[in-house]
Protein backbone atom coordinates (compact mmCIF):
# COMPACT_ATOMS: atom_id res chain seq x y z
CA MET A 1 -159.81 22.71 107.04
CA ASP A 2 -156.23 21.69 107.44
CA ASN A 3 -154.61 22.62 110.84
CA ASN A 4 -151.57 23.83 108.72
CA PHE A 5 -153.43 25.45 105.86
CA PHE A 6 -151.55 28.62 106.15
CA GLU A 7 -148.20 26.90 106.30
CA LYS A 8 -149.17 25.49 102.77
CA TRP A 9 -150.30 28.59 100.99
CA GLN A 10 -147.82 30.29 98.96
CA TYR A 11 -147.14 33.56 97.12
CA ARG A 12 -144.17 34.27 94.93
CA SER A 13 -143.66 37.70 93.38
CA PHE A 14 -141.25 38.56 90.59
CA LYS A 15 -140.14 41.86 88.79
CA LYS A 16 -138.24 42.79 85.65
CA GLY A 17 -138.09 46.47 84.57
CA THR A 18 -141.74 47.59 84.37
CA ARG A 19 -143.25 44.13 84.39
CA PHE A 20 -144.41 42.00 87.38
CA TYR A 21 -145.37 38.18 87.71
CA GLY A 22 -146.96 36.40 90.63
CA ILE A 23 -147.70 32.92 91.53
CA ARG A 24 -150.08 32.04 94.15
CA LEU A 25 -150.86 28.73 95.52
CA GLU A 26 -154.13 28.44 97.56
CA LYS A 27 -157.29 26.26 97.96
CA ASP A 28 -160.50 27.38 96.28
CA LEU A 29 -164.04 27.16 97.49
CA PHE A 30 -164.18 23.28 96.66
CA ASP A 31 -161.07 22.58 98.77
CA ASP A 32 -158.97 21.97 95.52
CA TRP A 33 -155.51 23.31 95.07
CA VAL A 34 -155.35 26.12 92.53
CA ILE A 35 -152.29 28.04 91.14
CA THR A 36 -153.21 31.43 90.24
CA LEU A 37 -150.68 33.17 87.68
CA ILE A 38 -150.62 37.01 87.64
CA ASN A 39 -148.81 39.10 85.24
CA GLY A 40 -148.97 42.66 84.12
CA SER A 41 -147.38 46.17 83.99
CA LEU A 42 -146.29 48.41 86.97
CA VAL A 43 -146.78 51.47 84.68
CA THR A 44 -150.18 50.96 83.45
CA LYS A 45 -151.44 48.84 86.34
CA MET A 46 -153.03 46.42 83.95
CA LYS A 47 -152.97 42.77 84.93
CA LYS A 48 -154.01 39.38 83.84
CA GLU A 49 -154.83 36.37 85.99
CA ARG A 50 -154.90 32.68 84.85
CA PHE A 51 -155.75 29.79 87.08
CA LEU A 52 -154.40 26.22 86.98
CA ALA A 53 -156.34 23.42 88.90
CA CYS A 54 -154.25 20.80 90.47
CA SER A 55 -154.93 17.28 91.63
CA ASN A 56 -153.16 17.55 94.92
CA TYR A 57 -150.76 19.65 97.05
CA GLU A 58 -147.60 18.03 96.06
CA ASP A 59 -148.23 18.27 92.24
CA ALA A 60 -149.12 22.00 92.65
CA CYS A 61 -145.68 22.54 94.67
CA ASN A 62 -143.95 20.83 91.61
CA ILE A 63 -145.57 23.06 89.20
CA VAL A 64 -144.92 26.19 91.26
CA GLU A 65 -141.15 25.35 91.49
CA LYS A 66 -140.97 24.84 87.73
CA LEU A 67 -142.74 28.11 87.19
CA VAL A 68 -140.30 29.91 89.74
CA ASN A 69 -137.35 28.35 87.95
CA TYR A 70 -138.65 29.28 84.57
CA ARG A 71 -139.23 32.95 85.63
CA ILE A 72 -135.59 33.35 87.30
CA ASN A 73 -133.57 31.19 84.87
CA LYS A 74 -135.10 31.88 81.58
CA ARG A 75 -137.05 35.19 81.65
CA HIS A 76 -134.34 36.70 84.04
CA TYR A 77 -137.05 38.09 86.54
CA GLU A 78 -135.93 38.97 89.93
CA GLU A 79 -137.84 37.42 92.88
CA GLN A 80 -139.14 40.06 95.39
CA SER A 81 -138.98 39.44 99.11
CA TYR A 82 -142.08 39.38 101.13
CA GLU A 83 -141.34 43.07 102.35
CA ASP A 84 -140.95 44.35 98.71
CA VAL A 85 -144.38 43.20 97.76
CA THR A 86 -147.02 45.83 97.65
CA ILE A 87 -150.71 45.30 97.50
CA ASN A 88 -152.89 48.03 95.81
CA ASN A 89 -156.42 47.82 95.97
């Protein structure tokens, strides 16, 4: 495992009205970089997850930045700070 593995791991969270969207970049069990896209409703607590496999970390970061820009600029979501993110089990 990389010495700076946790420095490379990312999670970005967005909210608009009763909708939420999350982007998580992490390594899978096969040591490949994977982007997990999470979206759903804050009211019904229903959510959906999709996965994108990436060839390397740099490509994954480029895709994450494009997704972040799309959520903010085109879909008008507000990015949540780390303190605003609530994890419910």
